[in-house]
Amino acid sequence: MVVAIWLEIDATLRPILGQRGVASLFRRSVHLTTADHPWFAAMQDSMHPTLDLAALEATLAGQDNLEAAAGGGDLLQAFHELLASLVGTTLTDQLLSSIWANFSRGDAAQDGSR
């Protein structure tokens, strides 16, 4: 479900930030998340200039469900904090409110690898 959330994020933010803008924020979020989840480092080394959700899915699939869910959640949190630092918390929350609502219902925790 984490990958599905990233698809929603991309669909929401691409018209505003562009493909490279979303991908840049994603890559930076992966970098920040690697401190707590070192297994993201392998993904970081081979990232493309576009949003590489296949690599994210493969990276999450290589972890047990609890670790994948924790890492996926931390990655989303890092993205939220990074975006908020750039455009403000209010605008970030407005842009991503429906996505966070889906995530907070627990959909992502049901299957940490997707």
C-alpha atoms as a PDB file:
ATOM      1  CA  MET A   1       0.000   0.000   0.000  1.00  0.00           C
ATOM      2  CA  VAL A   2       2.948   2.349   0.527  1.00  0.00           C
ATOM      3  CA  VAL A   3       3.602   2.307  -3.217  1.00  0.00           C
ATOM      4  CA  ALA A   4      -0.061   3.132  -3.873  1.00  0.00           C
ATOM      5  CA  ILE A   5       0.246   6.127  -1.555  1.00  0.00           C
ATOM      6  CA  TRP A   6       3.307   7.297  -3.507  1.00  0.00           C
ATOM      7  CA  LEU A   7       1.305   6.993  -6.715  1.00  0.00           C
ATOM      8  CA  GLU A   8      -1.313   9.298  -5.165  1.00  0.00           C
ATOM      9  CA  ILE A   9       1.373  11.723  -4.006  1.00  0.00           C
ATOM     10  CA  ASP A  10       2.843  11.803  -7.504  1.00  0.00           C
ATOM     11  CA  ALA A  11      -0.559  12.355  -9.112  1.00  0.00           C
ATOM     12  CA  THR A  12      -1.337  15.173  -6.684  1.00  0.00           C
ATOM     13  CA  LEU A  13       1.994  16.989  -6.735  1.00  0.00           C
ATOM     14  CA  ARG A  14       3.264  16.423 -10.278  1.00  0.00           C
ATOM     15  CA  PRO A  15       1.054  19.178 -11.775  1.00  0.00           C
ATOM     16  CA  ILE A  16       2.459  21.589  -9.174  1.00  0.00           C
ATOM     17  CA  LEU A  17       6.092  20.518  -8.757  1.00  0.00           C
ATOM     18  CA  GLY A  18       6.695  18.641 -11.981  1.00  0.00           C
ATOM     19  CA  GLN A  19       7.999  15.112 -12.397  1.00  0.00           C
ATOM     20  CA  ARG A  20      11.544  16.010 -11.396  1.00  0.00           C
ATOM     21  CA  GLY A  21      10.372  18.044  -8.412  1.00  0.00           C
ATOM     22  CA  VAL A  22       8.426  15.137  -6.941  1.00  0.00           C
ATOM     23  CA  ALA A  23      11.289  12.748  -7.698  1.00  0.00           C
ATOM     24  CA  SER A  24      13.818  15.083  -6.060  1.00  0.00           C
ATOM     25  CA  LEU A  25      11.762  15.304  -2.875  1.00  0.00           C
ATOM     26  CA  PHE A  26      11.336  11.527  -2.926  1.00  0.00           C
ATOM     27  CA  ARG A  27      15.099  10.960  -3.289  1.00  0.00           C
ATOM     28  CA  ARG A  28      15.841  13.380  -0.464  1.00  0.00           C
ATOM     29  CA  SER A  29      13.252  11.643   1.716  1.00  0.00           C
ATOM     30  CA  VAL A  30      14.890   8.278   1.017  1.00  0.00           C
ATOM     31  CA  HIS A  31      18.241   9.780   1.995  1.00  0.00           C
ATOM     32  CA  LEU A  32      16.828  11.110   5.267  1.00  0.00           C
ATOM     33  CA  THR A  33      15.070   7.831   6.063  1.00  0.00           C
ATOM     34  CA  THR A  34      18.252   5.808   5.527  1.00  0.00           C
ATOM     35  CA  ALA A  35      19.539   6.987   8.917  1.00  0.00           C
ATOM     36  CA  ASP A  36      16.855   4.935  10.706  1.00  0.00           C
ATOM     37  CA  HIS A  37      16.428   2.258   8.041  1.00  0.00           C
ATOM     38  CA  PRO A  38      19.857   1.525   6.533  1.00  0.00           C
ATOM     39  CA  TRP A  39      18.363  -0.933   4.073  1.00  0.00           C
ATOM     40  CA  PHE A  40      17.167   2.072   2.038  1.00  0.00           C
ATOM     41  CA  ALA A  41      20.823   2.785   1.159  1.00  0.00           C
ATOM     42  CA  ALA A  42      20.887   0.163  -1.592  1.00  0.00           C
ATOM     43  CA  MET A  43      17.899   1.819  -3.229  1.00  0.00           C
ATOM     44  CA  GLN A  44      19.457   5.248  -2.867  1.00  0.00           C
ATOM     45  CA  ASP A  45      22.587   4.164  -4.749  1.00  0.00           C
ATOM     46  CA  SER A  46      20.619   3.206  -7.867  1.00  0.00           C
ATOM     47  CA  MET A  47      17.876   5.852  -7.953  1.00  0.00           C
ATOM     48  CA  HIS A  48      16.793   7.411 -11.239  1.00  0.00           C
ATOM     49  CA  PRO A  49      15.954  11.069 -11.817  1.00  0.00           C
ATOM     50  CA  THR A  50      12.283  10.030 -11.936  1.00  0.00           C
ATOM     51  CA  LEU A  51      10.097   8.587  -9.207  1.00  0.00           C
ATOM     52  CA  ASP A  52      11.225   4.936  -9.116  1.00  0.00           C
ATOM     53  CA  LEU A  53       8.384   3.145  -7.381  1.00  0.00           C
ATOM     54  CA  ALA A  54       9.469  -0.258  -8.683  1.00  0.00           C
ATOM     55  CA  ALA A  55      12.707   0.142  -6.721  1.00  0.00           C
ATOM     56  CA  LEU A  56      10.730   1.202  -3.651  1.00  0.00           C
ATOM     57  CA  GLU A  57       8.453  -1.805  -3.955  1.00  0.00           C
ATOM     58  CA  ALA A  58      11.413  -4.174  -4.342  1.00  0.00           C
ATOM     59  CA  THR A  59      13.206  -2.595  -1.381  1.00  0.00           C
ATOM     60  CA  LEU A  60      10.162  -2.870   0.863  1.00  0.00           C
ATOM     61  CA  ALA A  61       9.498  -6.438  -0.299  1.00  0.00           C
ATOM     62  CA  GLY A  62      12.973  -7.390   0.902  1.00  0.00           C
ATOM     63  CA  GLN A  63      12.011  -6.579   4.497  1.00  0.00           C
ATOM     64  CA  ASP A  64       9.678  -8.324   6.881  1.00  0.00           C
ATOM     65  CA  ASN A  65       6.207  -6.776   7.035  1.00  0.00           C
ATOM     66  CA  LEU A  66       6.745  -4.845  10.262  1.00  0.00           C
ATOM     67  CA  GLU A  67      10.047  -3.340   9.139  1.00  0.00           C
ATOM     68  CA  ALA A  68       8.651  -2.522   5.697  1.00  0.00           C
ATOM     69  CA  ALA A  69       5.642  -0.800   7.276  1.00  0.00           C
ATOM     70  CA  ALA A  70       7.870   1.155   9.668  1.00  0.00           C
ATOM     71  CA  GLY A  71      10.274   2.173   6.908  1.00  0.00           C
ATOM     72  CA  GLY A  72       7.471   3.059   4.521  1.00  0.00           C
ATOM     73  CA  GLY A  73       5.763   5.143   7.185  1.00  0.00           C
ATOM     74  CA  ASP A  74       8.988   6.910   8.090  1.00  0.00           C
ATOM     75  CA  LEU A  75       9.649   7.623   4.407  1.00  0.00           C
ATOM     76  CA  LEU A  76       6.217   9.226   4.069  1.00  0.00           C
ATOM     77  CA  GLN A  77       6.768  11.227   7.256  1.00  0.00           C
ATOM     78  CA  ALA A  78      10.151  12.458   6.000  1.00  0.00           C
ATOM     79  CA  PHE A  79       8.519  13.513   2.729  1.00  0.00           C
ATOM     80  CA  HIS A  80       5.771  15.367   4.574  1.00  0.00           C
ATOM     81  CA  GLU A  81       8.274  17.184   6.784  1.00  0.00           C
ATOM     82  CA  LEU A  82      10.488  18.058   3.827  1.00  0.00           C
ATOM     83  CA  LEU A  83       7.589  19.407   1.774  1.00  0.00           C
ATOM     84  CA  ALA A  84       6.310  21.344   4.791  1.00  0.00           C
ATOM     85  CA  SER A  85       9.728  22.930   5.255  1.00  0.00           C
ATOM     86  CA  LEU A  86       9.525  24.193   1.676  1.00  0.00           C
ATOM     87  CA  VAL A  87       5.909  25.330   1.309  1.00  0.00           C
ATOM     88  CA  GLY A  88       4.611  25.392   4.878  1.00  0.00           C
ATOM     89  CA  THR A  89       2.615  22.978   6.972  1.00  0.00           C
ATOM     90  CA  THR A  90      -0.789  24.396   6.075  1.00  0.00           C
ATOM     91  CA  LEU A  91      -0.306  24.073   2.317  1.00  0.00           C
ATOM     92  CA  THR A  92       1.312  20.642   2.689  1.00  0.00           C
ATOM     93  CA  ASP A  93      -1.618  19.424   4.752  1.00  0.00           C
ATOM     94  CA  GLN A  94      -4.088  20.815   2.211  1.00  0.00           C
ATOM     95  CA  LEU A  95      -2.295  19.186  -0.699  1.00  0.00           C
ATOM     96  CA  LEU A  96      -1.909  15.799   0.951  1.00  0.00           C
ATOM     97  CA  SER A  97      -4.947  15.645   3.251  1.00  0.00           C
ATOM     98  CA  SER A  98      -6.854  12.979   1.327  1.00  0.00           C
ATOM     99  CA  ILE A  99      -3.723  10.857   0.966  1.00  0.00           C
ATOM    100  CA  TRP A 100      -2.900  11.067   4.685  1.00  0.00           C
ATOM    101  CA  ALA A 101      -6.520  10.220   5.501  1.00  0.00           C
ATOM    102  CA  ASN A 102      -6.188   6.981   3.523  1.00  0.00           C
ATOM    103  CA  PHE A 103      -2.865   6.225   5.198  1.00  0.00           C
ATOM    104  CA  SER A 104      -4.088   6.986   8.718  1.00  0.00           C
ATOM    105  CA  ARG A 105      -6.981   4.540   8.302  1.00  0.00           C
ATOM    106  CA  GLY A 106      -4.340   1.836   8.454  1.00  0.00           C
ATOM    107  CA  ASP A 107      -4.446   0.771   4.818  1.00  0.00           C
ATOM    108  CA  ALA A 108      -0.638   0.879   4.523  1.00  0.00           C
ATOM    109  CA  ALA A 109      -0.099  -1.107   7.686  1.00  0.00           C
ATOM    110  CA  GLN A 110      -2.160  -3.974   6.301  1.00  0.00           C
ATOM    111  CA  ASP A 111       0.525  -4.664   3.713  1.00  0.00           C
ATOM    112  CA  GLY A 112       3.818  -2.936   4.383  1.00  0.00           C
ATOM    113  CA  SER A 113       5.300  -4.041   1.083  1.00  0.00           C
ATOM    114  CA  ARG A 114       2.762  -2.219  -1.103  1.00  0.00           C
END
